[in-house]
Each structure stands twice: as structure tokens, then as C-alpha cells.
Amino acid sequence: MDAVDLGTHPGHLARRLQQAHTLLWNAMVSEETTSPQYAVLNALVEKPGIDQRTLGEQVCLDRSTITELVTRLARRGLMERVRDPLDGRRNVLKLTEEGIRLHRRLTTRAARMNHVFLAPLSAQEQIVFLDLVHRVVNAAEDLRDPGQLTRAPRDTGIA
């Protein structure tokens, strides 16, 4: 059997893309706040006072991962759980002043990092690239339906 060209395997390329992103994130944005943690901070800037389940859905993280991230961010004093004023049985999440300041700092750094990350592409290519990635990610989200994964894949003729 001959070796395959992994350059034609989207999963292999996605992993390498993630490695490049992580390298740049750690060098240019933060070594202590991860990209998923930043996504949580950002979601709470956009929608303060949401519950943990909704937050996980907002940033596309499973229940155990969002629980871990919320615990870590709360331990660092960046967010807090407070009783929902409309439903005392429910907790909602909000950023502390320190969390808001950190989000502001990281947003500036992340914008610079994204510029470097996408620099090999022209402005038009960046738009196309992001559109294509969105399409693949959105299609993958649809596959969370267990019935989708048991169906045989269609042969598209694409190599």
C-alpha cells in the first residue's frame, strides 16, 4: 500500500492550522488565557448575565469543557456567578471589572495576531477563506445529529 498525501486530508490540515494558531496565540496574545477562555470572556461581554448552558452553546463547547473553563476563570477573579434576579433558582454569569479589562487587552492583541495569521492571504482571499471555513464548520455542526453519522457518505467524485 502506498502512503497518502496528507496535504489532501482536511483533518490533518485543520490540526496543523490549529497548531499554527496556538503558536501565534501564545506568542502574541496570552500564555495564560487560552483562545477558548477568550471566547468565553467575549461571549459574556456580548451577552452578560447568561447561564452556563447558554454560554457553552454560544461558544460551541460541551458541558464538561465549559464547566472547567468557567471554574478556572472564576478562580482567577475574571467572572462570577450571581443569582438570576428573575429566577432565584438559577445562576447567571458576568465578568468582573478585571475580566472586562482583560477582555479589552486580549481583543487588541488578538486583532494583531489575526492580521499576522492571515497575512499570507490577500484581503479577498481572507474573506473567501473565512467563508469556506464557516461553511465547513456549520456543516460539521449539523453532523451532531447522531443519525447523520450513521449514513453512508456520498461519493462526490472529489479526490
N, C-alpha and C. Protein backbone atom coordinates (compact mmCIF):
# COMPACT_ATOMS: atom_id res chain seq x y z
N MET A 1 0.84 -1.17 0.00
CA MET A 1 0.00 0.00 0.00
C MET A 1 0.89 1.24 0.00
N ASP A 2 0.52 2.23 -0.80
CA ASP A 2 1.28 3.47 -0.90
C ASP A 2 0.84 4.46 0.18
N ALA A 3 1.78 5.29 0.58
CA ALA A 3 1.46 6.35 1.53
C ALA A 3 0.55 7.37 0.85
N VAL A 4 -0.31 7.99 1.63
CA VAL A 4 -1.21 9.00 1.09
C VAL A 4 -0.63 10.39 1.32
N ASP A 5 -1.04 11.33 0.51
CA ASP A 5 -0.62 12.72 0.66
C ASP A 5 -1.52 13.38 1.70
N LEU A 6 -1.00 13.59 2.91
CA LEU A 6 -1.81 14.17 3.98
C LEU A 6 -2.20 15.62 3.68
N GLY A 7 -1.56 16.23 2.70
CA GLY A 7 -1.92 17.57 2.28
C GLY A 7 -3.30 17.62 1.64
N THR A 8 -3.86 16.45 1.34
CA THR A 8 -5.22 16.38 0.78
C THR A 8 -6.24 15.98 1.83
N HIS A 9 -5.81 15.82 3.08
CA HIS A 9 -6.70 15.42 4.17
C HIS A 9 -7.07 16.64 5.01
N PRO A 10 -8.33 17.07 4.95
CA PRO A 10 -8.74 18.27 5.68
C PRO A 10 -8.48 18.19 7.18
N GLY A 11 -8.65 17.04 7.79
CA GLY A 11 -8.42 16.90 9.22
C GLY A 11 -6.97 17.15 9.58
N HIS A 12 -6.06 16.63 8.77
CA HIS A 12 -4.63 16.84 9.00
C HIS A 12 -4.30 18.33 8.87
N LEU A 13 -4.84 18.96 7.83
CA LEU A 13 -4.59 20.38 7.62
C LEU A 13 -5.23 21.23 8.73
N ALA A 14 -6.42 20.83 9.20
CA ALA A 14 -7.08 21.56 10.29
C ALA A 14 -6.25 21.48 11.56
N ARG A 15 -5.67 20.32 11.83
CA ARG A 15 -4.82 20.17 13.02
C ARG A 15 -3.59 21.07 12.90
N ARG A 16 -2.98 21.11 11.72
CA ARG A 16 -1.80 21.97 11.51
C ARG A 16 -2.17 23.44 11.61
N LEU A 17 -3.35 23.80 11.12
CA LEU A 17 -3.84 25.17 11.23
C LEU A 17 -4.02 25.54 12.70
N GLN A 18 -4.59 24.61 13.47
CA GLN A 18 -4.79 24.84 14.90
C GLN A 18 -3.44 24.98 15.61
N GLN A 19 -2.46 24.17 15.23
CA GLN A 19 -1.12 24.29 15.83
C GLN A 19 -0.52 25.67 15.55
N ALA A 20 -0.67 26.14 14.31
CA ALA A 20 -0.15 27.46 13.95
C ALA A 20 -0.86 28.55 14.74
N HIS A 21 -2.17 28.41 14.88
CA HIS A 21 -2.95 29.39 15.65
C HIS A 21 -2.50 29.41 17.11
N THR A 22 -2.35 28.24 17.70
CA THR A 22 -1.94 28.15 19.10
C THR A 22 -0.56 28.76 19.31
N LEU A 23 0.35 28.49 18.39
CA LEU A 23 1.70 29.06 18.48
C LEU A 23 1.62 30.59 18.46
N LEU A 24 0.88 31.15 17.52
CA LEU A 24 0.74 32.60 17.44
C LEU A 24 0.00 33.16 18.65
N TRP A 25 -1.06 32.46 19.08
CA TRP A 25 -1.84 32.93 20.24
C TRP A 25 -0.92 33.07 21.45
N ASN A 26 -0.14 32.02 21.72
CA ASN A 26 0.74 32.04 22.89
C ASN A 26 1.81 33.11 22.78
N ALA A 27 2.30 33.36 21.58
CA ALA A 27 3.37 34.33 21.38
C ALA A 27 2.85 35.77 21.36
N MET A 28 1.64 35.98 20.82
CA MET A 28 1.18 37.35 20.58
C MET A 28 0.01 37.81 21.45
N VAL A 29 -0.73 36.86 22.00
CA VAL A 29 -1.93 37.24 22.75
C VAL A 29 -1.76 36.95 24.24
N SER A 30 -1.64 35.68 24.60
CA SER A 30 -1.52 35.35 26.02
C SER A 30 -1.05 33.91 26.19
N GLU A 31 -0.15 33.72 27.14
CA GLU A 31 0.23 32.37 27.51
C GLU A 31 -0.64 31.84 28.64
N GLU A 32 -1.34 32.71 29.33
CA GLU A 32 -2.13 32.25 30.48
C GLU A 32 -3.63 32.17 30.18
N THR A 33 -4.12 32.91 29.19
CA THR A 33 -5.53 32.84 28.81
C THR A 33 -5.61 32.21 27.42
N THR A 34 -6.27 31.07 27.33
CA THR A 34 -6.35 30.35 26.07
C THR A 34 -7.40 30.99 25.15
N SER A 35 -7.36 30.60 23.90
CA SER A 35 -8.34 31.09 22.93
C SER A 35 -9.77 30.71 23.33
N PRO A 36 -10.03 29.47 23.79
CA PRO A 36 -11.39 29.16 24.26
C PRO A 36 -11.80 30.00 25.47
N GLN A 37 -10.86 30.29 26.38
CA GLN A 37 -11.18 31.14 27.53
C GLN A 37 -11.52 32.55 27.05
N TYR A 38 -10.79 33.03 26.06
CA TYR A 38 -11.10 34.33 25.48
C TYR A 38 -12.49 34.32 24.85
N ALA A 39 -12.85 33.23 24.19
CA ALA A 39 -14.19 33.13 23.59
C ALA A 39 -15.27 33.26 24.66
N VAL A 40 -15.04 32.66 25.84
CA VAL A 40 -15.98 32.76 26.95
C VAL A 40 -16.08 34.21 27.43
N LEU A 41 -14.93 34.87 27.62
CA LEU A 41 -14.94 36.27 28.03
C LEU A 41 -15.70 37.12 27.01
N ASN A 42 -15.44 36.87 25.74
CA ASN A 42 -16.07 37.63 24.68
C ASN A 42 -17.59 37.43 24.66
N ALA A 43 -18.01 36.19 24.86
CA ALA A 43 -19.45 35.89 24.88
C ALA A 43 -20.14 36.63 26.03
N LEU A 44 -19.44 36.74 27.16
CA LEU A 44 -20.05 37.43 28.31
C LEU A 44 -20.01 38.95 28.16
N VAL A 45 -19.12 39.46 27.33
CA VAL A 45 -19.16 40.89 27.00
C VAL A 45 -20.37 41.14 26.11
N GLU A 46 -20.59 40.22 25.17
CA GLU A 46 -21.72 40.36 24.24
C GLU A 46 -23.06 40.15 24.93
N LYS A 47 -23.12 39.13 25.79
CA LYS A 47 -24.38 38.79 26.47
C LYS A 47 -24.14 38.56 27.95
N PRO A 48 -23.96 39.64 28.72
CA PRO A 48 -23.75 39.45 30.16
C PRO A 48 -25.00 38.88 30.82
N GLY A 49 -24.77 38.05 31.83
CA GLY A 49 -25.90 37.52 32.59
C GLY A 49 -26.56 36.30 31.99
N ILE A 50 -25.85 35.57 31.13
CA ILE A 50 -26.41 34.33 30.61
C ILE A 50 -26.00 33.17 31.51
N ASP A 51 -26.73 32.07 31.43
CA ASP A 51 -26.39 30.91 32.26
C ASP A 51 -25.29 30.09 31.58
N GLN A 52 -24.75 29.16 32.31
CA GLN A 52 -23.60 28.38 31.85
C GLN A 52 -23.94 27.53 30.63
N ARG A 53 -25.13 26.93 30.60
CA ARG A 53 -25.52 26.11 29.45
C ARG A 53 -25.58 26.96 28.18
N THR A 54 -26.20 28.13 28.29
CA THR A 54 -26.31 29.03 27.14
C THR A 54 -24.93 29.50 26.71
N LEU A 55 -24.06 29.78 27.67
CA LEU A 55 -22.70 30.19 27.37
C LEU A 55 -21.98 29.11 26.58
N GLY A 56 -22.10 27.85 27.01
CA GLY A 56 -21.47 26.74 26.30
C GLY A 56 -21.97 26.64 24.86
N GLU A 57 -23.27 26.82 24.67
CA GLU A 57 -23.84 26.79 23.32
C GLU A 57 -23.30 27.95 22.49
N GLN A 58 -23.18 29.11 23.12
CA GLN A 58 -22.72 30.32 22.43
C GLN A 58 -21.31 30.14 21.87
N VAL A 59 -20.44 29.48 22.63
CA VAL A 59 -19.04 29.33 22.21
C VAL A 59 -18.73 27.93 21.67
N CYS A 60 -19.78 27.12 21.50
CA CYS A 60 -19.65 25.77 20.91
C CYS A 60 -18.72 24.86 21.72
N LEU A 61 -18.92 24.85 23.04
CA LEU A 61 -18.15 23.96 23.90
C LEU A 61 -19.10 23.03 24.65
N ASP A 62 -18.68 21.78 24.84
CA ASP A 62 -19.53 20.82 25.55
C ASP A 62 -19.63 21.17 27.03
N ARG A 63 -20.56 20.52 27.69
CA ARG A 63 -20.88 20.84 29.09
C ARG A 63 -19.68 20.72 30.02
N SER A 64 -18.90 19.65 29.90
CA SER A 64 -17.77 19.49 30.83
C SER A 64 -16.68 20.52 30.56
N THR A 65 -16.44 20.85 29.30
CA THR A 65 -15.40 21.84 28.98
C THR A 65 -15.81 23.22 29.47
N ILE A 66 -17.07 23.60 29.24
CA ILE A 66 -17.50 24.94 29.68
C ILE A 66 -17.48 25.03 31.21
N THR A 67 -17.81 23.93 31.88
CA THR A 67 -17.75 23.92 33.35
C THR A 67 -16.33 24.17 33.82
N GLU A 68 -15.37 23.50 33.21
CA GLU A 68 -13.97 23.67 33.58
C GLU A 68 -13.49 25.10 33.31
N LEU A 69 -13.85 25.64 32.14
CA LEU A 69 -13.42 27.00 31.80
C LEU A 69 -14.03 28.04 32.75
N VAL A 70 -15.31 27.90 33.05
CA VAL A 70 -15.96 28.84 33.97
C VAL A 70 -15.31 28.76 35.35
N THR A 71 -15.03 27.55 35.80
CA THR A 71 -14.38 27.38 37.11
C THR A 71 -13.02 28.06 37.13
N ARG A 72 -12.22 27.86 36.09
CA ARG A 72 -10.89 28.48 36.03
C ARG A 72 -10.96 30.00 35.99
N LEU A 73 -11.87 30.52 35.15
CA LEU A 73 -11.98 31.97 35.02
C LEU A 73 -12.51 32.60 36.31
N ALA A 74 -13.43 31.91 36.97
CA ALA A 74 -13.96 32.42 38.25
C ALA A 74 -12.86 32.39 39.31
N ARG A 75 -12.07 31.33 39.33
CA ARG A 75 -10.97 31.21 40.29
C ARG A 75 -9.94 32.33 40.10
N ARG A 76 -9.78 32.77 38.87
CA ARG A 76 -8.84 33.86 38.57
C ARG A 76 -9.47 35.24 38.84
N GLY A 77 -10.73 35.25 39.25
CA GLY A 77 -11.39 36.52 39.55
C GLY A 77 -11.85 37.28 38.33
N LEU A 78 -12.02 36.58 37.21
CA LEU A 78 -12.40 37.24 35.95
C LEU A 78 -13.90 37.21 35.71
N MET A 79 -14.60 36.31 36.38
CA MET A 79 -16.06 36.23 36.25
C MET A 79 -16.64 35.76 37.56
N GLU A 80 -17.94 35.96 37.69
CA GLU A 80 -18.61 35.50 38.90
C GLU A 80 -19.98 34.95 38.56
N ARG A 81 -20.42 34.04 39.42
CA ARG A 81 -21.78 33.51 39.32
C ARG A 81 -22.65 34.32 40.26
N VAL A 82 -23.79 34.77 39.76
CA VAL A 82 -24.73 35.51 40.60
C VAL A 82 -26.12 34.94 40.40
N ARG A 83 -26.96 35.10 41.41
CA ARG A 83 -28.36 34.64 41.30
C ARG A 83 -29.08 35.46 40.23
N ASP A 84 -29.83 34.76 39.41
CA ASP A 84 -30.65 35.42 38.40
C ASP A 84 -31.74 36.22 39.12
N PRO A 85 -31.81 37.53 38.88
CA PRO A 85 -32.82 38.33 39.57
C PRO A 85 -34.26 37.94 39.20
N LEU A 86 -34.42 37.28 38.03
CA LEU A 86 -35.76 36.87 37.60
C LEU A 86 -36.12 35.46 38.04
N ASP A 87 -35.10 34.66 38.38
CA ASP A 87 -35.33 33.28 38.80
C ASP A 87 -34.26 32.92 39.83
N GLY A 88 -34.59 33.02 41.10
CA GLY A 88 -33.64 32.79 42.19
C GLY A 88 -33.05 31.40 42.24
N ARG A 89 -33.62 30.45 41.48
CA ARG A 89 -33.08 29.08 41.46
C ARG A 89 -31.92 28.95 40.47
N ARG A 90 -31.70 29.96 39.69
CA ARG A 90 -30.74 29.89 38.59
C ARG A 90 -29.58 30.85 38.82
N ASN A 91 -28.38 30.42 38.44
CA ASN A 91 -27.21 31.28 38.46
C ASN A 91 -26.92 31.79 37.06
N VAL A 92 -26.47 33.01 36.98
CA VAL A 92 -26.02 33.57 35.70
C VAL A 92 -24.58 34.04 35.88
N LEU A 93 -23.92 34.27 34.76
CA LEU A 93 -22.50 34.61 34.78
C LEU A 93 -22.29 36.03 34.31
N LYS A 94 -21.34 36.69 34.93
CA LYS A 94 -20.97 38.02 34.47
C LYS A 94 -19.50 38.23 34.73
N LEU A 95 -18.89 39.07 33.91
CA LEU A 95 -17.48 39.38 34.08
C LEU A 95 -17.29 40.36 35.22
N THR A 96 -16.17 40.20 35.91
CA THR A 96 -15.77 41.19 36.90
C THR A 96 -15.10 42.35 36.16
N GLU A 97 -14.78 43.40 36.88
CA GLU A 97 -14.05 44.52 36.26
C GLU A 97 -12.73 44.04 35.68
N GLU A 98 -12.05 43.15 36.42
CA GLU A 98 -10.78 42.60 35.93
C GLU A 98 -11.01 41.79 34.65
N GLY A 99 -12.09 41.04 34.58
CA GLY A 99 -12.42 40.27 33.38
C GLY A 99 -12.68 41.17 32.19
N ILE A 100 -13.35 42.27 32.42
CA ILE A 100 -13.62 43.24 31.35
C ILE A 100 -12.31 43.86 30.86
N ARG A 101 -11.43 44.22 31.79
CA ARG A 101 -10.13 44.79 31.41
C ARG A 101 -9.29 43.79 30.62
N LEU A 102 -9.28 42.53 31.09
CA LEU A 102 -8.52 41.50 30.38
C LEU A 102 -9.09 41.30 28.97
N HIS A 103 -10.40 41.24 28.84
CA HIS A 103 -11.01 41.08 27.52
C HIS A 103 -10.57 42.21 26.58
N ARG A 104 -10.57 43.42 27.09
CA ARG A 104 -10.18 44.57 26.27
C ARG A 104 -8.73 44.43 25.79
N ARG A 105 -7.83 44.05 26.70
CA ARG A 105 -6.41 43.87 26.33
C ARG A 105 -6.25 42.76 25.30
N LEU A 106 -6.91 41.63 25.56
CA LEU A 106 -6.76 40.48 24.66
C LEU A 106 -7.37 40.75 23.30
N THR A 107 -8.44 41.53 23.24
CA THR A 107 -9.08 41.83 21.96
C THR A 107 -8.12 42.58 21.05
N THR A 108 -7.40 43.54 21.60
CA THR A 108 -6.42 44.29 20.81
C THR A 108 -5.31 43.36 20.32
N ARG A 109 -4.81 42.52 21.20
CA ARG A 109 -3.74 41.59 20.83
C ARG A 109 -4.22 40.55 19.82
N ALA A 110 -5.44 40.05 20.01
CA ALA A 110 -5.98 39.03 19.10
C ALA A 110 -6.16 39.62 17.70
N ALA A 111 -6.56 40.88 17.60
CA ALA A 111 -6.71 41.51 16.29
C ALA A 111 -5.36 41.56 15.57
N ARG A 112 -4.30 41.91 16.31
CA ARG A 112 -2.96 41.92 15.72
C ARG A 112 -2.54 40.51 15.30
N MET A 113 -2.82 39.54 16.16
CA MET A 113 -2.45 38.16 15.85
C MET A 113 -3.18 37.67 14.61
N ASN A 114 -4.48 37.98 14.50
CA ASN A 114 -5.25 37.56 13.34
C ASN A 114 -4.70 38.17 12.06
N HIS A 115 -4.23 39.39 12.16
CA HIS A 115 -3.61 40.05 11.00
C HIS A 115 -2.38 39.26 10.54
N VAL A 116 -1.54 38.87 11.49
CA VAL A 116 -0.34 38.09 11.18
C VAL A 116 -0.73 36.71 10.66
N PHE A 117 -1.70 36.08 11.31
CA PHE A 117 -2.13 34.72 10.95
C PHE A 117 -2.63 34.66 9.51
N LEU A 118 -3.37 35.68 9.09
CA LEU A 118 -3.95 35.68 7.75
C LEU A 118 -3.10 36.41 6.72
N ALA A 119 -1.96 36.94 7.13
CA ALA A 119 -1.10 37.73 6.25
C ALA A 119 -0.69 37.03 4.96
N PRO A 120 -0.53 35.71 4.92
CA PRO A 120 -0.17 35.08 3.64
C PRO A 120 -1.26 35.21 2.56
N LEU A 121 -2.46 35.60 2.96
CA LEU A 121 -3.57 35.71 2.02
C LEU A 121 -3.85 37.17 1.70
N SER A 122 -4.30 37.42 0.46
CA SER A 122 -4.74 38.76 0.11
C SER A 122 -6.04 39.06 0.86
N ALA A 123 -6.45 40.31 0.85
CA ALA A 123 -7.69 40.70 1.54
C ALA A 123 -8.87 39.89 1.01
N GLN A 124 -8.96 39.73 -0.30
CA GLN A 124 -10.06 38.96 -0.89
C GLN A 124 -9.95 37.48 -0.52
N GLU A 125 -8.75 36.94 -0.52
CA GLU A 125 -8.55 35.54 -0.13
C GLU A 125 -8.94 35.31 1.33
N GLN A 126 -8.66 36.28 2.18
CA GLN A 126 -9.05 36.17 3.59
C GLN A 126 -10.56 36.05 3.73
N ILE A 127 -11.29 36.84 2.97
CA ILE A 127 -12.75 36.78 3.00
C ILE A 127 -13.23 35.41 2.54
N VAL A 128 -12.66 34.93 1.43
CA VAL A 128 -13.05 33.61 0.90
C VAL A 128 -12.68 32.51 1.89
N PHE A 129 -11.47 32.56 2.44
CA PHE A 129 -11.02 31.56 3.40
C PHE A 129 -11.97 31.47 4.59
N LEU A 130 -12.28 32.62 5.18
CA LEU A 130 -13.17 32.62 6.36
C LEU A 130 -14.56 32.12 5.99
N ASP A 131 -15.03 32.47 4.80
CA ASP A 131 -16.34 31.98 4.34
C ASP A 131 -16.32 30.46 4.20
N LEU A 132 -15.27 29.93 3.60
CA LEU A 132 -15.17 28.47 3.42
C LEU A 132 -15.07 27.75 4.76
N VAL A 133 -14.28 28.29 5.67
CA VAL A 133 -14.15 27.66 6.99
C VAL A 133 -15.51 27.68 7.70
N HIS A 134 -16.21 28.80 7.63
CA HIS A 134 -17.55 28.88 8.23
C HIS A 134 -18.47 27.82 7.64
N ARG A 135 -18.42 27.63 6.34
CA ARG A 135 -19.30 26.64 5.71
C ARG A 135 -18.99 25.23 6.20
N VAL A 136 -17.72 24.89 6.30
CA VAL A 136 -17.33 23.56 6.76
C VAL A 136 -17.72 23.38 8.22
N VAL A 137 -17.44 24.38 9.06
CA VAL A 137 -17.77 24.29 10.49
C VAL A 137 -19.28 24.16 10.67
N ASN A 138 -20.05 24.95 9.94
CA ASN A 138 -21.51 24.88 10.07
C ASN A 138 -22.04 23.53 9.62
N ALA A 139 -21.46 22.97 8.56
CA ALA A 139 -21.88 21.64 8.11
C ALA A 139 -21.52 20.60 9.16
N ALA A 140 -20.36 20.75 9.79
CA ALA A 140 -19.95 19.81 10.84
C ALA A 140 -20.90 19.90 12.03
N GLU A 141 -21.37 21.10 12.35
CA GLU A 141 -22.34 21.25 13.44
C GLU A 141 -23.60 20.44 13.16
N ASP A 142 -24.02 20.41 11.90
CA ASP A 142 -25.21 19.65 11.53
C ASP A 142 -25.00 18.15 11.77
N LEU A 143 -23.75 17.71 11.76
CA LEU A 143 -23.45 16.29 11.95
C LEU A 143 -23.57 15.86 13.41
N ARG A 144 -23.82 16.81 14.31
CA ARG A 144 -24.01 16.44 15.72
C ARG A 144 -25.26 15.59 15.89
N ASP A 145 -26.15 15.63 14.91
CA ASP A 145 -27.33 14.76 14.89
C ASP A 145 -26.82 13.34 14.69
N PRO A 146 -27.00 12.45 15.69
CA PRO A 146 -26.45 11.09 15.61
C PRO A 146 -26.86 10.35 14.34
N GLY A 147 -28.04 10.60 13.83
CA GLY A 147 -28.49 9.92 12.61
C GLY A 147 -27.65 10.28 11.40
N GLN A 148 -27.08 11.47 11.41
CA GLN A 148 -26.25 11.92 10.29
C GLN A 148 -24.98 11.08 10.16
N LEU A 149 -24.43 10.66 11.28
CA LEU A 149 -23.14 9.96 11.25
C LEU A 149 -23.27 8.50 10.83
N THR A 150 -24.46 7.92 10.89
CA THR A 150 -24.62 6.51 10.53
C THR A 150 -24.91 6.33 9.04
N ARG A 151 -25.22 7.42 8.37
CA ARG A 151 -25.49 7.33 6.93
C ARG A 151 -24.19 7.23 6.17
N ALA A 152 -24.21 6.45 5.09
CA ALA A 152 -23.02 6.32 4.25
C ALA A 152 -22.74 7.65 3.55
N PRO A 153 -21.46 8.03 3.48
CA PRO A 153 -21.15 9.29 2.81
C PRO A 153 -21.40 9.19 1.31
N ARG A 154 -21.77 10.32 0.73
CA ARG A 154 -21.99 10.41 -0.71
C ARG A 154 -20.64 10.49 -1.41
N ASP A 155 -20.51 9.78 -2.52
CA ASP A 155 -19.29 9.89 -3.30
C ASP A 155 -19.45 11.10 -4.21
N THR A 156 -18.67 12.15 -3.92
CA THR A 156 -18.78 13.38 -4.70
C THR A 156 -17.88 13.36 -5.92
N GLY A 157 -16.99 12.38 -5.99
CA GLY A 157 -16.06 12.33 -7.10
C GLY A 157 -14.86 13.24 -6.90
N ILE A 158 -14.81 13.94 -5.78
CA ILE A 158 -13.68 14.82 -5.49
C ILE A 158 -12.59 14.03 -4.84
N ALA A 159 -11.40 14.15 -5.35
CA ALA A 159 -10.27 13.40 -4.80
C ALA A 159 -9.59 14.16 -3.72
